[in-house]
């Protein structure tokens, strides 16, 4: 006896098992590919979200700096007006 008969399997059973193995391998491969694609999409979404947060943070900091600058200018102008009003 040689081939699959050694293990107590007929050629037909061996062919069926081989086909099942190939099919499960193909399904596993497709699942793995889809999983990689999803991970890539998630990574892209995370990068985009990080970019948005960075822009939001930059705009917020710029706005705070502009507000602080405007406040300083307002106080300086008020101080100058007070000096002119007090000391003619």
PDB file of N, CA and C in Angstrom:
ATOM      1  N   UNK A   1       0.838  -1.184   0.000  1.00  0.00           N
ATOM      2  CA  UNK A   1       0.000   0.000   0.000  1.00  0.00           C
ATOM      3  C   UNK A   1       0.883   1.248   0.000  1.00  0.00           C
ATOM      4  N   UNK A   2       0.507   2.170  -0.866  1.00  0.00           N
ATOM      5  CA  UNK A   2       1.200   3.457  -0.920  1.00  0.00           C
ATOM      6  C   UNK A   2       0.153   4.548  -1.003  1.00  0.00           C
ATOM      7  N   UNK A   3       0.542   5.760  -0.718  1.00  0.00           N
ATOM      8  CA  UNK A   3      -0.376   6.894  -0.830  1.00  0.00           C
ATOM      9  C   UNK A   3      -1.341   6.965   0.332  1.00  0.00           C
ATOM     10  N   UNK A   4      -2.550   7.484   0.099  1.00  0.00           N
ATOM     11  CA  UNK A   4      -3.509   7.709   1.173  1.00  0.00           C
ATOM     12  C   UNK A   4      -4.006   6.428   1.823  1.00  0.00           C
ATOM     13  N   UNK A   5      -3.902   5.306   1.103  1.00  0.00           N
ATOM     14  CA  UNK A   5      -4.387   4.050   1.674  1.00  0.00           C
ATOM     15  C   UNK A   5      -3.601   3.675   2.926  1.00  0.00           C
ATOM     16  N   UNK A   6      -2.359   4.141   3.016  1.00  0.00           N
ATOM     17  CA  UNK A   6      -1.528   3.844   4.187  1.00  0.00           C
ATOM     18  C   UNK A   6      -2.196   4.378   5.444  1.00  0.00           C
ATOM     19  N   UNK A   7      -2.860   5.519   5.329  1.00  0.00           N
ATOM     20  CA  UNK A   7      -3.501   6.141   6.482  1.00  0.00           C
ATOM     21  C   UNK A   7      -4.953   5.729   6.630  1.00  0.00           C
ATOM     22  N   UNK A   8      -5.393   4.765   5.857  1.00  0.00           N
ATOM     23  CA  UNK A   8      -6.761   4.280   5.947  1.00  0.00           C
ATOM     24  C   UNK A   8      -7.759   5.163   5.218  1.00  0.00           C
ATOM     25  N   UNK A   9      -7.300   5.992   4.300  1.00  0.00           N
ATOM     26  CA  UNK A   9      -8.191   6.863   3.533  1.00  0.00           C
ATOM     27  C   UNK A   9      -8.215   6.425   2.087  1.00  0.00           C
ATOM     28  N   UNK A  10      -9.373   6.559   1.487  1.00  0.00           N
ATOM     29  CA  UNK A  10      -9.450   6.256   0.057  1.00  0.00           C
ATOM     30  C   UNK A  10      -9.009   7.500  -0.716  1.00  0.00           C
ATOM     31  N   UNK A  11      -8.750   7.314  -1.983  1.00  0.00           N
ATOM     32  CA  UNK A  11      -8.346   8.438  -2.825  1.00  0.00           C
ATOM     33  C   UNK A  11      -9.446   9.492  -2.864  1.00  0.00           C
ATOM     34  N   UNK A  12     -10.704   9.032  -2.884  1.00  0.00           N
ATOM     35  CA  UNK A  12     -11.838   9.956  -2.909  1.00  0.00           C
ATOM     36  C   UNK A  12     -11.880  10.791  -1.631  1.00  0.00           C
ATOM     37  N   UNK A  13     -11.684  10.146  -0.470  1.00  0.00           N
ATOM     38  CA  UNK A  13     -11.670  10.873   0.804  1.00  0.00           C
ATOM     39  C   UNK A  13     -10.515  11.865   0.847  1.00  0.00           C
ATOM     40  N   UNK A  14      -9.373  11.463   0.361  1.00  0.00           N
ATOM     41  CA  UNK A  14      -8.205  12.340   0.337  1.00  0.00           C
ATOM     42  C   UNK A  14      -8.483  13.566  -0.526  1.00  0.00           C
ATOM     43  N   UNK A  15      -9.100  13.348  -1.674  1.00  0.00           N
ATOM     44  CA  UNK A  15      -9.435  14.454  -2.566  1.00  0.00           C
ATOM     45  C   UNK A  15     -10.416  15.414  -1.882  1.00  0.00           C
ATOM     46  N   UNK A  16     -11.417  14.850  -1.194  1.00  0.00           N
ATOM     47  CA  UNK A  16     -12.409  15.670  -0.493  1.00  0.00           C
ATOM     48  C   UNK A  16     -11.743  16.487   0.609  1.00  0.00           C
ATOM     49  N   UNK A  17     -10.892  15.848   1.402  1.00  0.00           N
ATOM     50  CA  UNK A  17     -10.198  16.554   2.483  1.00  0.00           C
ATOM     51  C   UNK A  17      -9.288  17.644   1.920  1.00  0.00           C
ATOM     52  N   UNK A  18      -8.626  17.337   0.835  1.00  0.00           N
ATOM     53  CA  UNK A  18      -7.761  18.321   0.190  1.00  0.00           C
ATOM     54  C   UNK A  18      -8.581  19.522  -0.270  1.00  0.00           C
ATOM     55  N   UNK A  19      -9.746  19.250  -0.865  1.00  0.00           N
ATOM     56  CA  UNK A  19     -10.627  20.321  -1.330  1.00  0.00           C
ATOM     57  C   UNK A  19     -11.112  21.168  -0.151  1.00  0.00           C
ATOM     58  N   UNK A  20     -11.498  20.516   0.958  1.00  0.00           N
ATOM     59  CA  UNK A  20     -11.944  21.243   2.152  1.00  0.00           C
ATOM     60  C   UNK A  20     -10.825  22.123   2.703  1.00  0.00           C
ATOM     61  N   UNK A  21      -9.617  21.584   2.713  1.00  0.00           N
ATOM     62  CA  UNK A  21      -8.471  22.349   3.208  1.00  0.00           C
ATOM     63  C   UNK A  21      -8.226  23.578   2.346  1.00  0.00           C
ATOM     64  N   UNK A  22      -8.279  23.390   1.035  1.00  0.00           N
ATOM     65  CA  UNK A  22      -8.079  24.524   0.128  1.00  0.00           C
ATOM     66  C   UNK A  22      -9.175  25.571   0.303  1.00  0.00           C
ATOM     67  N   UNK A  23     -10.414  25.103   0.452  1.00  0.00           N
ATOM     68  CA  UNK A  23     -11.530  26.034   0.620  1.00  0.00           C
ATOM     69  C   UNK A  23     -11.386  26.810   1.926  1.00  0.00           C
ATOM     70  N   UNK A  24     -11.061  26.118   3.014  1.00  0.00           N
ATOM     71  CA  UNK A  24     -10.906  26.818   4.290  1.00  0.00           C
ATOM     72  C   UNK A  24      -9.703  27.762   4.239  1.00  0.00           C
ATOM     73  N   UNK A  25      -8.668  27.360   3.528  1.00  0.00           N
ATOM     74  CA  UNK A  25      -7.499  28.225   3.367  1.00  0.00           C
ATOM     75  C   UNK A  25      -7.867  29.488   2.594  1.00  0.00           C
ATOM     76  N   UNK A  26      -8.675  29.334   1.541  1.00  0.00           N
ATOM     77  CA  UNK A  26      -9.114  30.489   0.749  1.00  0.00           C
ATOM     78  C   UNK A  26      -9.980  31.419   1.590  1.00  0.00           C
ATOM     79  N   UNK A  27     -10.881  30.843   2.395  1.00  0.00           N
ATOM     80  CA  UNK A  27     -11.722  31.659   3.266  1.00  0.00           C
ATOM     81  C   UNK A  27     -10.876  32.398   4.293  1.00  0.00           C
ATOM     82  N   UNK A  28      -9.917  31.700   4.871  1.00  0.00           N
ATOM     83  CA  UNK A  28      -9.026  32.307   5.851  1.00  0.00           C
ATOM     84  C   UNK A  28      -8.236  33.449   5.212  1.00  0.00           C
ATOM     85  N   UNK A  29      -7.758  33.211   3.999  1.00  0.00           N
ATOM     86  CA  UNK A  29      -6.994  34.229   3.282  1.00  0.00           C
ATOM     87  C   UNK A  29      -7.859  35.452   2.993  1.00  0.00           C
ATOM     88  N   UNK A  30      -9.090  35.229   2.557  1.00  0.00           N
ATOM     89  CA  UNK A  30     -10.000  36.340   2.266  1.00  0.00           C
ATOM     90  C   UNK A  30     -10.316  37.112   3.542  1.00  0.00           C
ATOM     91  N   UNK A  31     -10.560  36.378   4.640  1.00  0.00           N
ATOM     92  CA  UNK A  31     -10.833  37.020   5.919  1.00  0.00           C
ATOM     93  C   UNK A  31      -9.640  37.866   6.349  1.00  0.00           C
ATOM     94  N   UNK A  32      -8.439  37.306   6.215  1.00  0.00           N
ATOM     95  CA  UNK A  32      -7.221  38.027   6.589  1.00  0.00           C
ATOM     96  C   UNK A  32      -7.061  39.290   5.757  1.00  0.00           C
ATOM     97  N   UNK A  33      -7.333  39.183   4.468  1.00  0.00           N
ATOM     98  CA  UNK A  33      -7.236  40.353   3.584  1.00  0.00           C
ATOM     99  C   UNK A  33      -8.234  41.422   3.997  1.00  0.00           C
ATOM    100  N   UNK A  34      -9.481  41.017   4.265  1.00  0.00           N
ATOM    101  CA  UNK A  34     -10.501  41.974   4.690  1.00  0.00           C
ATOM    102  C   UNK A  34     -10.118  42.618   6.015  1.00  0.00           C
ATOM    103  N   UNK A  35      -9.559  41.828   6.915  1.00  0.00           N
ATOM    104  CA  UNK A  35      -9.135  42.354   8.207  1.00  0.00           C
ATOM    105  C   UNK A  35      -8.037  43.397   8.029  1.00  0.00           C
ATOM    106  N   UNK A  36      -7.075  43.111   7.171  1.00  0.00           N
ATOM    107  CA  UNK A  36      -6.002  44.077   6.897  1.00  0.00           C
ATOM    108  C   UNK A  36      -6.566  45.370   6.314  1.00  0.00           C
ATOM    109  N   UNK A  37      -7.527  45.225   5.390  1.00  0.00           N
ATOM    110  CA  UNK A  37      -8.142  46.411   4.784  1.00  0.00           C
ATOM    111  C   UNK A  37      -8.855  47.242   5.839  1.00  0.00           C
ATOM    112  N   UNK A  38      -9.586  46.572   6.743  1.00  0.00           N
ATOM    113  CA  UNK A  38     -10.278  47.304   7.810  1.00  0.00           C
ATOM    114  C   UNK A  38      -9.287  48.009   8.717  1.00  0.00           C
ATOM    115  N   UNK A  39      -8.198  47.324   9.047  1.00  0.00           N
ATOM    116  CA  UNK A  39      -7.177  47.953   9.890  1.00  0.00           C
ATOM    117  C   UNK A  39      -6.604  49.182   9.201  1.00  0.00           C
ATOM    118  N   UNK A  40      -6.381  49.070   7.892  1.00  0.00           N
ATOM    119  CA  UNK A  40      -5.876  50.209   7.125  1.00  0.00           C
ATOM    120  C   UNK A  40      -6.856  51.366   7.143  1.00  0.00           C
ATOM    121  N   UNK A  41      -8.151  51.054   6.986  1.00  0.00           N
ATOM    122  CA  UNK A  41      -9.181  52.095   7.029  1.00  0.00           C
ATOM    123  C   UNK A  41      -9.222  52.739   8.407  1.00  0.00           C
ATOM    124  N   UNK A  42      -9.122  51.915   9.456  1.00  0.00           N
ATOM    125  CA  UNK A  42      -9.122  52.456  10.815  1.00  0.00           C
ATOM    126  C   UNK A  42      -7.919  53.362  11.031  1.00  0.00           C
ATOM    127  N   UNK A  43      -6.759  52.935  10.539  1.00  0.00           N
ATOM    128  CA  UNK A  43      -5.553  53.748  10.662  1.00  0.00           C
ATOM    129  C   UNK A  43      -5.733  55.086   9.954  1.00  0.00           C
ATOM    130  N   UNK A  44      -6.325  55.034   8.753  1.00  0.00           N
ATOM    131  CA  UNK A  44      -6.569  56.270   8.007  1.00  0.00           C
ATOM    132  C   UNK A  44      -7.519  57.188   8.770  1.00  0.00           C
ATOM    133  N   UNK A  45      -8.585  56.599   9.336  1.00  0.00           N
ATOM    134  CA  UNK A  45      -9.531  57.397  10.120  1.00  0.00           C
ATOM    135  C   UNK A  45      -8.855  58.009  11.342  1.00  0.00           C
ATOM    136  N   UNK A  46      -8.002  57.223  12.014  1.00  0.00           N
ATOM    137  CA  UNK A  46      -7.297  57.732  13.190  1.00  0.00           C
ATOM    138  C   UNK A  46      -6.362  58.878  12.813  1.00  0.00           C
ATOM    139  N   UNK A  47      -5.668  58.740  11.691  1.00  0.00           N
ATOM    140  CA  UNK A  47      -4.778  59.821  11.232  1.00  0.00           C
ATOM    141  C   UNK A  47      -5.572  61.082  10.926  1.00  0.00           C
ATOM    142  N   UNK A  48      -6.703  60.913  10.243  1.00  0.00           N
ATOM    143  CA  UNK A  48      -7.540  62.061   9.899  1.00  0.00           C
ATOM    144  C   UNK A  48      -8.058  62.735  11.168  1.00  0.00           C
ATOM    145  N   UNK A  49      -8.482  61.940  12.132  1.00  0.00           N
ATOM    146  CA  UNK A  49      -8.977  62.485  13.402  1.00  0.00           C
ATOM    147  C   UNK A  49      -7.856  63.225  14.128  1.00  0.00           C
ATOM    148  N   UNK A  50      -6.650  62.670  14.127  1.00  0.00           N
ATOM    149  CA  UNK A  50      -5.513  63.336  14.770  1.00  0.00           C
ATOM    150  C   UNK A  50      -5.223  64.667  14.078  1.00  0.00           C
ATOM    151  N   UNK A  51      -5.307  64.675  12.744  1.00  0.00           N
ATOM    152  CA  UNK A  51      -5.100  65.921  11.991  1.00  0.00           C
ATOM    153  C   UNK A  51      -6.155  66.960  12.372  1.00  0.00           C
ATOM    154  N   UNK A  52      -7.420  66.511  12.455  1.00  0.00           N
ATOM    155  CA  UNK A  52      -8.497  67.433  12.830  1.00  0.00           C
ATOM    156  C   UNK A  52      -8.273  67.995  14.230  1.00  0.00           C
ATOM    157  N   UNK A  53      -7.879  67.131  15.165  1.00  0.00           N
ATOM    158  CA  UNK A  53      -7.623  67.593  16.529  1.00  0.00           C
ATOM    159  C   UNK A  53      -6.467  68.582  16.562  1.00  0.00           C
ATOM    160  N   UNK A  54      -5.445  68.316  15.762  1.00  0.00           N
ATOM    161  CA  UNK A  54      -4.296  69.211  15.698  1.00  0.00           C
ATOM    162  C   UNK A  54      -4.708  70.577  15.164  1.00  0.00           C
ATOM    163  N   UNK A  55      -5.512  70.581  14.111  1.00  0.00           N
ATOM    164  CA  UNK A  55      -5.991  71.847  13.541  1.00  0.00           C
ATOM    165  C   UNK A  55      -6.877  72.565  14.552  1.00  0.00           C
ATOM    166  N   UNK A  56      -7.790  71.828  15.200  1.00  0.00           N
ATOM    167  CA  UNK A  56      -8.660  72.432  16.209  1.00  0.00           C
ATOM    168  C   UNK A  56      -7.838  73.059  17.328  1.00  0.00           C
ATOM    169  N   UNK A  57      -6.831  72.338  17.779  1.00  0.00           N
ATOM    170  CA  UNK A  57      -5.972  72.836  18.857  1.00  0.00           C
ATOM    171  C   UNK A  57      -5.226  74.086  18.406  1.00  0.00           C
ATOM    172  N   UNK A  58      -4.693  74.054  17.186  1.00  0.00           N
ATOM    173  CA  UNK A  58      -3.973  75.216  16.664  1.00  0.00           C
ATOM    174  C   UNK A  58      -4.893  76.429  16.567  1.00  0.00           C
ATOM    175  N   UNK A  59      -6.099  76.217  16.061  1.00  0.00           N
ATOM    176  CA  UNK A  59      -7.052  77.324  15.955  1.00  0.00           C
ATOM    177  C   UNK A  59      -7.436  77.863  17.329  1.00  0.00           C
ATOM    178  N   UNK A  60      -7.619  76.960  18.277  1.00  0.00           N
ATOM    179  CA  UNK A  60      -7.973  77.387  19.633  1.00  0.00           C
ATOM    180  C   UNK A  60      -6.844  78.210  20.242  1.00  0.00           C
ATOM    181  N   UNK A  61      -5.596  77.726  20.086  1.00  0.00           N
ATOM    182  CA  UNK A  61      -4.451  78.464  20.622  1.00  0.00           C
ATOM    183  C   UNK A  61      -4.307  79.822  19.939  1.00  0.00           C
ATOM    184  N   UNK A  62      -4.497  79.853  18.628  1.00  0.00           N
ATOM    185  CA  UNK A  62      -4.421  81.111  17.887  1.00  0.00           C
ATOM    186  C   UNK A  62      -5.499  82.076  18.377  1.00  0.00           C
ATOM    187  N   UNK A  63      -6.704  81.551  18.565  1.00  0.00           N
ATOM    188  CA  UNK A  63      -7.811  82.377  19.034  1.00  0.00           C
ATOM    189  C   UNK A  63      -7.522  82.928  20.430  1.00  0.00           C
ATOM    190  N   UNK A  64      -6.994  82.080  21.312  1.00  0.00           N
ATOM    191  CA  UNK A  64      -6.654  82.528  22.662  1.00  0.00           C
ATOM    192  C   UNK A  64      -5.569  83.599  22.620  1.00  0.00           C
ATOM    193  N   UNK A  65      -4.569  83.400  21.761  1.00  0.00           N
ATOM    194  CA  UNK A  65      -3.492  84.383  21.639  1.00  0.00           C
ATOM    195  C   UNK A  65      -4.031  85.702  21.087  1.00  0.00           C
ATOM    196  N   UNK A  66      -4.911  85.614  20.101  1.00  0.00           N
ATOM    197  CA  UNK A  66      -5.495  86.828  19.524  1.00  0.00           C
ATOM    198  C   UNK A  66      -6.342  87.562  20.557  1.00  0.00           C
ATOM    199  N   UNK A  67      -7.094  86.816  21.352  1.00  0.00           N
ATOM    200  CA  UNK A  67      -7.915  87.424  22.397  1.00  0.00           C
ATOM    201  C   UNK A  67      -7.035  88.098  23.439  1.00  0.00           C
ATOM    202  N   UNK A  68      -5.967  87.415  23.846  1.00  0.00           N
ATOM    203  CA  UNK A  68      -5.044  87.992  24.828  1.00  0.00           C
ATOM    204  C   UNK A  68      -4.397  89.257  24.276  1.00  0.00           C
ATOM    205  N   UNK A  69      -3.996  89.221  23.015  1.00  0.00           N
ATOM    206  CA  UNK A  69      -3.376  90.393  22.388  1.00  0.00           C
ATOM    207  C   UNK A  69      -4.366  91.549  22.325  1.00  0.00           C
ATOM    208  N   UNK A  70      -5.590  91.250  21.931  1.00  0.00           N
ATOM    209  CA  UNK A  70      -6.623  92.291  21.859  1.00  0.00           C
ATOM    210  C   UNK A  70      -6.886  92.876  23.237  1.00  0.00           C
ATOM    211  N   UNK A  71      -6.893  92.036  24.255  1.00  0.00           N
ATOM    212  CA  UNK A  71      -7.114  92.510  25.622  1.00  0.00           C
ATOM    213  C   UNK A  71      -5.988  93.440  26.046  1.00  0.00           C
ATOM    214  N   UNK A  72      -4.754  93.063  25.757  1.00  0.00           N
ATOM    215  CA  UNK A  72      -3.602  93.901  26.106  1.00  0.00           C
ATOM    216  C   UNK A  72      -3.691  95.240  25.379  1.00  0.00           C
ATOM    217  N   UNK A  73      -4.039  95.196  24.100  1.00  0.00           N
ATOM    218  CA  UNK A  73      -4.168  96.439  23.320  1.00  0.00           C
ATOM    219  C   UNK A  73      -5.279  97.308  23.900  1.00  0.00           C
ATOM    220  N   UNK A  74      -6.412  96.689  24.231  1.00  0.00           N
ATOM    221  CA  UNK A  74      -7.524  97.443  24.827  1.00  0.00           C
ATOM    222  C   UNK A  74      -7.097  98.111  26.125  1.00  0.00           C
ATOM    223  N   UNK A  75      -6.416  97.369  26.986  1.00  0.00           N
ATOM    224  CA  UNK A  75      -5.964  97.920  28.266  1.00  0.00           C
ATOM    225  C   UNK A  75      -4.950  99.039  28.041  1.00  0.00           C
ATOM    226  N   UNK A  76      -4.070  98.850  27.068  1.00  0.00           N
ATOM    227  CA  UNK A  76      -3.073  99.883  26.770  1.00  0.00           C
ATOM    228  C   UNK A  76      -3.753 101.158  26.283  1.00  0.00           C
ATOM    229  N   UNK A  77      -4.730 101.005  25.401  1.00  0.00           N
ATOM    230  CA  UNK A  77      -5.455 102.175  24.898  1.00  0.00           C
ATOM    231  C   UNK A  77      -6.213 102.877  26.018  1.00  0.00           C
ATOM    232  N   UNK A  78      -6.848 102.094  26.877  1.00  0.00           N
ATOM    233  CA  UNK A  78      -7.561 102.688  28.010  1.00  0.00           C
ATOM    234  C   UNK A  78      -6.597 103.429  28.928  1.00  0.00           C
ATOM    235  N   UNK A  79      -5.432 102.842  29.163  1.00  0.00           N
ATOM    236  CA  UNK A  79      -4.420 103.478  30.007  1.00  0.00           C
ATOM    237  C   UNK A  79      -3.982 104.806  29.388  1.00  0.00           C
ATOM    238  N   UNK A  80      -3.746 104.792  28.059  1.00  0.00           N
ATOM    239  CA  UNK A  80      -3.346 106.022  27.364  1.00  0.00           C
ATOM    240  C   UNK A  80      -4.444 107.076  27.450  1.00  0.00           C
ATOM    241  N   UNK A  81      -5.688 106.662  27.282  1.00  0.00           N
ATOM    242  CA  UNK A  81      -6.797 107.610  27.390  1.00  0.00           C
ATOM    243  C   UNK A  81      -6.895 108.191  28.790  1.00  0.00           C
ATOM    244  N   UNK A  82      -6.705 107.358  29.800  1.00  0.00           N
ATOM    245  CA  UNK A  82      -6.758 107.839  31.184  1.00  0.00           C
ATOM    246  C   UNK A  82      -5.663 108.859  31.429  1.00  0.00           C
ATOM    247  N   UNK A  83      -4.470 108.585  30.911  1.00  0.00           N
ATOM    248  CA  UNK A  83      -3.353 109.522  31.093  1.00  0.00           C
ATOM    249  C   UNK A  83      -3.692 110.857  30.426  1.00  0.00           C
ATOM    250  N   UNK A  84      -4.244 110.804  29.227  1.00  0.00           N
ATOM    251  CA  UNK A  84      -4.584 112.045  28.515  1.00  0.00           C
ATOM    252  C   UNK A  84      -5.707 112.788  29.226  1.00  0.00           C
ATOM    253  N   UNK A  85      -6.653 112.038  29.785  1.00  0.00           N
ATOM    254  CA  UNK A  85      -7.755 112.692  30.477  1.00  0.00           C
ATOM    255  C   UNK A  85      -7.313 113.282  31.810  1.00  0.00           C
ATOM    256  N   UNK A  86      -6.449 112.583  32.505  1.00  0.00           N
ATOM    257  CA  UNK A  86      -6.002 113.031  33.825  1.00  0.00           C
ATOM    258  C   UNK A  86      -4.968 114.144  33.680  1.00  0.00           C
ATOM    259  N   UNK A  87      -4.026 113.968  32.784  1.00  0.00           N
ATOM    260  CA  UNK A  87      -2.957 114.969  32.625  1.00  0.00           C
ATOM    261  C   UNK A  87      -3.136 115.688  31.294  1.00  0.00           C
ATOM    262  N   UNK A  88      -3.800 116.811  31.320  1.00  0.00           N
ATOM    263  CA  UNK A  88      -4.039 117.516  30.058  1.00  0.00           C
ATOM    264  C   UNK A  88      -2.795 118.171  29.467  1.00  0.00           C
TER     265      UNK A  88
END
